[in-house]
Protein backbone atom coordinates (compact mmCIF):
# COMPACT_ATOMS: atom_id res chain seq x y z
CA MET A 1 -39.96 -26.34 24.68
CA ALA A 2 -39.75 -29.80 26.23
CA ASP A 3 -36.40 -31.55 26.11
CA ALA A 4 -37.95 -34.43 24.20
CA ALA A 5 -38.80 -32.03 21.36
CA ILE A 6 -35.11 -31.26 20.72
CA PRO A 7 -33.43 -33.88 18.54
CA LYS A 8 -30.45 -35.44 20.28
CA SER A 9 -28.57 -36.25 17.09
CA GLN A 10 -29.17 -35.53 13.46
CA ALA A 11 -26.69 -35.71 10.63
CA GLY A 12 -28.03 -32.52 9.09
CA THR A 13 -27.76 -33.90 5.57
CA ALA A 14 -31.19 -32.88 4.28
CA PRO A 15 -32.92 -29.49 4.02
CA GLY A 16 -34.56 -28.60 7.31
CA ASP A 17 -32.43 -30.98 9.40
CA VAL A 18 -30.86 -29.70 12.59
CA ALA A 19 -27.17 -30.40 13.13
CA VAL A 20 -26.48 -30.84 16.85
CA LEU A 21 -22.98 -30.17 18.14
CA ASP A 22 -21.19 -33.07 19.79
CA ALA A 23 -19.80 -33.10 23.34
CA ASN A 24 -16.73 -31.17 22.15
CA GLY A 25 -18.78 -28.44 20.49
CA ARG A 26 -18.00 -29.63 16.96
CA LEU A 27 -20.29 -30.24 14.05
CA PRO A 28 -21.13 -33.86 13.19
CA ALA A 29 -18.29 -35.75 11.57
CA VAL A 30 -20.30 -36.36 8.42
CA ASP A 31 -19.18 -32.97 7.09
CA GLY A 32 -15.67 -33.02 8.51
CA SER A 33 -16.66 -30.70 11.35
CA GLN A 34 -16.30 -27.71 9.02
CA LEU A 35 -18.69 -25.17 7.61
CA THR A 36 -18.41 -24.99 3.83
CA ASN A 37 -18.99 -22.34 1.16
CA LEU A 38 -18.11 -19.48 3.49
CA PRO A 39 -16.11 -16.47 2.25
CA SER A 40 -12.48 -16.46 3.28
CA PRO A 41 -11.93 -14.01 6.16
CA HIS A 42 -8.54 -12.82 4.95
CA GLY A 43 -6.05 -12.91 2.12
CA ILE A 44 -8.42 -11.71 -0.59
CA LEU A 45 -7.98 -7.93 -0.66
CA PRO A 46 -6.70 -6.65 -4.03
CA VAL A 47 -3.23 -5.15 -3.62
CA LEU A 48 -0.60 -3.50 -5.79
CA THR A 49 2.99 -3.12 -4.60
CA ILE A 50 5.73 -1.03 -6.20
CA GLU A 51 9.43 -1.23 -5.41
CA LEU A 52 11.05 2.08 -4.52
CA GLY A 53 14.59 2.27 -5.83
CA HIS A 54 14.11 -0.32 -8.58
CA GLY A 55 17.16 -0.26 -10.86
CA ALA A 56 15.05 0.17 -13.99
CA GLN A 57 13.43 3.36 -12.72
CA ALA A 58 14.89 6.51 -14.26
CA ASN A 59 17.47 8.68 -12.52
CA GLY A 60 19.27 5.98 -10.60
CA GLY A 61 16.10 4.31 -9.36
CA ARG A 62 14.44 7.51 -8.18
CA GLY A 63 11.85 7.81 -10.95
CA ILE A 64 10.84 10.34 -13.57
CA ASP A 65 12.31 13.81 -12.97
CA MET A 66 9.37 16.21 -12.62
CA GLY A 67 11.43 19.25 -11.67
CA ASN A 68 11.10 19.48 -7.91
CA TRP A 69 10.01 15.87 -7.36
CA TYR A 70 10.44 12.33 -8.68
CA GLN A 71 7.44 10.43 -10.02
CA LEU A 72 7.47 6.65 -9.62
CA ASP A 73 6.80 4.90 -12.94
CA PHE A 74 4.04 2.33 -12.46
CA ARG A 75 5.34 0.44 -15.51
CA ILE A 76 8.39 -0.66 -13.50
CA GLY A 77 8.78 -2.79 -10.38
CA VAL A 78 5.06 -3.36 -9.86
CA THR A 79 3.33 -6.55 -8.71
CA ALA A 80 -0.44 -6.97 -8.36
CA ALA A 81 -2.33 -9.69 -6.48
CA ASN A 82 -5.88 -10.78 -5.68
CA GLY A 83 -7.33 -9.14 -8.78
CA PHE A 84 -6.17 -5.55 -8.22
CA GLN A 85 -7.59 -3.61 -11.17
CA PHE A 86 -5.46 -0.91 -12.79
CA ALA A 87 -4.31 0.41 -16.15
CA VAL A 88 -0.89 1.98 -16.59
CA ASN A 89 -0.74 5.21 -18.60
CA ALA A 90 1.98 6.28 -21.02
CA ASP A 91 3.32 8.86 -18.55
CA GLY A 92 3.88 6.27 -15.81
CA THR A 93 0.76 7.13 -13.81
CA MET A 94 -2.08 4.64 -13.49
CA THR A 95 -5.87 4.58 -13.57
CA ILE A 96 -7.83 2.72 -10.89
CA PRO A 97 -11.55 2.17 -10.29
CA SER A 98 -13.45 4.13 -7.65
CA GLY A 99 -13.20 2.77 -4.15
CA VAL A 100 -11.59 3.04 -0.74
CA TYR A 101 -7.82 2.48 -0.73
CA LEU A 102 -5.20 1.98 1.96
CA VAL A 103 -1.64 3.11 1.21
CA SER A 104 1.04 1.54 3.37
CA GLY A 105 4.78 1.05 3.16
CA SER A 106 8.23 2.03 4.28
CA ALA A 107 11.58 2.91 2.76
CA LYS A 108 15.13 3.82 3.68
CA ILE A 109 16.18 7.37 2.85
CA LEU A 110 19.56 7.13 1.18
CA ALA A 111 22.34 9.57 0.37
CA PRO A 112 24.26 7.79 -2.40
CA ALA A 113 27.28 10.09 -2.02
CA THR A 114 28.63 12.29 0.75
CA ASP A 115 26.91 15.67 0.89
CA MET A 116 25.44 18.12 3.39
CA TYR A 117 21.81 17.34 4.30
CA GLN A 118 19.30 18.66 6.78
CA LEU A 119 18.26 16.21 9.48
CA PRO A 120 15.78 14.69 9.71
CA ALA A 121 15.84 14.27 5.93
CA GLN A 122 13.29 16.61 4.36
CA VAL A 123 11.66 14.04 2.06
CA VAL A 124 7.96 14.50 1.31
CA PHE A 125 6.20 11.40 -0.09
CA ALA A 126 2.70 11.40 -1.54
CA VAL A 127 0.21 9.38 -3.60
CA GLY A 128 -2.71 11.22 -5.11
CA GLN A 129 -5.04 12.40 -7.85
CA ASN A 130 -6.58 15.59 -9.24
CA TYR A 131 -3.83 17.93 -7.99
CA ALA A 132 -0.11 17.96 -8.78
CA PHE A 133 2.40 16.58 -6.27
CA PRO A 134 2.24 16.71 -3.30
CA GLY A 135 -1.50 17.12 -3.81
CA ILE A 136 -4.01 18.07 -1.15
CA TYR A 137 -5.10 15.89 1.74
CA GLN A 138 -8.62 15.45 0.34
CA TYR A 139 -7.21 13.57 -2.69
CA ALA A 140 -3.82 12.32 -1.51
CA VAL A 141 -2.10 10.27 1.16
CA GLN A 142 0.87 12.36 2.27
CA GLN A 143 3.89 11.95 4.51
CA TYR A 144 5.73 15.10 5.62
CA PRO A 145 8.98 15.11 7.61
CA ASP A 146 9.49 16.76 10.97
CA ALA A 147 11.13 20.17 10.87
CA PRO A 148 14.92 20.05 10.53
CA VAL A 149 16.98 20.41 13.69
CA GLY A 150 20.42 20.45 12.12
CA SER A 151 22.61 19.44 9.19
CA ALA A 152 25.34 16.88 8.66
CA MET A 153 27.89 15.93 6.04
CA MET A 154 27.15 12.28 5.43
CA SER A 155 26.26 9.44 3.07
CA GLY A 156 24.33 6.18 3.40
CA VAL A 157 21.07 5.78 5.31
CA LEU A 158 19.74 9.06 6.72
CA GLY A 159 16.57 7.59 8.19
CA SER A 160 13.31 5.88 7.36
CA LEU A 161 10.10 6.93 5.68
CA ARG A 162 6.93 5.22 6.93
CA MET A 163 3.52 5.82 5.46
CA SER A 164 -0.03 4.68 6.14
CA GLY A 165 -3.29 6.32 5.20
CA VAL A 166 -6.75 5.74 3.74
CA GLN A 167 -8.20 7.59 0.77
CA ALA A 168 -11.86 7.28 -0.22
CA SER A 169 -11.93 9.94 -2.97
CA TRP A 170 -9.99 8.13 -5.69
CA GLY A 171 -11.59 7.02 -8.94
CA SER A 172 -11.06 6.48 -12.64
CA SER A 173 -11.63 10.11 -13.68
CA SER A 174 -8.06 11.21 -12.86
CA PRO A 175 -4.70 9.43 -13.08
CA LEU A 176 -3.02 8.31 -9.86
CA TRP A 177 0.57 9.42 -9.29
CA MET A 178 3.13 8.49 -6.64
CA GLY A 179 6.38 10.24 -5.85
CA PHE A 180 8.67 12.09 -3.50
CA ALA A 181 10.32 15.49 -3.22
CA LYS A 182 13.70 16.09 -4.84
CA VAL A 183 15.99 16.84 -1.91
CA LEU A 184 19.50 17.97 -2.88
CA GLY A 185 22.63 18.13 -0.78
CA SER A 186 23.66 21.73 -0.17
CA GLN A 187 27.28 21.27 -1.32
CA ASN A 188 27.33 18.80 -4.21
CA GLN A 189 23.63 18.84 -5.15
CA THR A 190 23.35 15.05 -4.75
CA PRO A 191 19.65 14.07 -4.67
CA LEU A 192 18.42 11.70 -1.98
CA ALA A 193 16.95 8.35 -3.00
CA LEU A 194 14.51 5.84 -1.51
CA GLN A 195 14.73 2.08 -1.17
CA GLY A 196 11.75 0.01 -0.05
CA TYR A 197 8.19 -0.89 -1.01
CA MET A 198 4.84 0.88 -1.09
CA SER A 199 1.50 -0.93 -1.35
CA ILE A 200 -1.96 0.22 -2.39
CA VAL A 201 -4.74 -2.02 -1.04
CA LYS A 202 -8.37 -1.76 -2.17
CA ILE A 203 -10.37 -2.13 1.03
CA GLY A 204 -13.79 -1.02 -0.19
């Protein structure tokens, strides 16, 4: 195409017009040098966050006592943003629509009173559906501790729990639960607790 056939400058204000970049590679100033009506590239993913160790949770902030584990109550300490869709059930679980979800978060593992504990702390954390805690990997995001290498008489922070995983099998046909194993000290039977946040992000 001959150079003369290429317009040197058009405002691009009418259908079919060509907007030519200026010498600095920007769009003509008539539109503020910005493309409009484009989807935002970030900050719009629906997300739900629950506080672990919230004072209103049962059993000293641990959650509902399920025998050998504590279930986090989704009626307490939850914030939702960017249109995260969920319905909380009477038992503290929640129902979510089908989709692809990312679970991510971290928490301190706490011994509220001095007791004898295995190290690293043997806390299993999981979020899942269809099967009881800790679920199975096809329907749950799970975090298992490394094997214990010793024991210590201690209180306070025993370590950290970090979790990240994607689950594409969740849907509205089964309630979603979240919780962690009940780990007792071997001398005084003091259960460990968690303190932190866990988020569920709908990514698809």
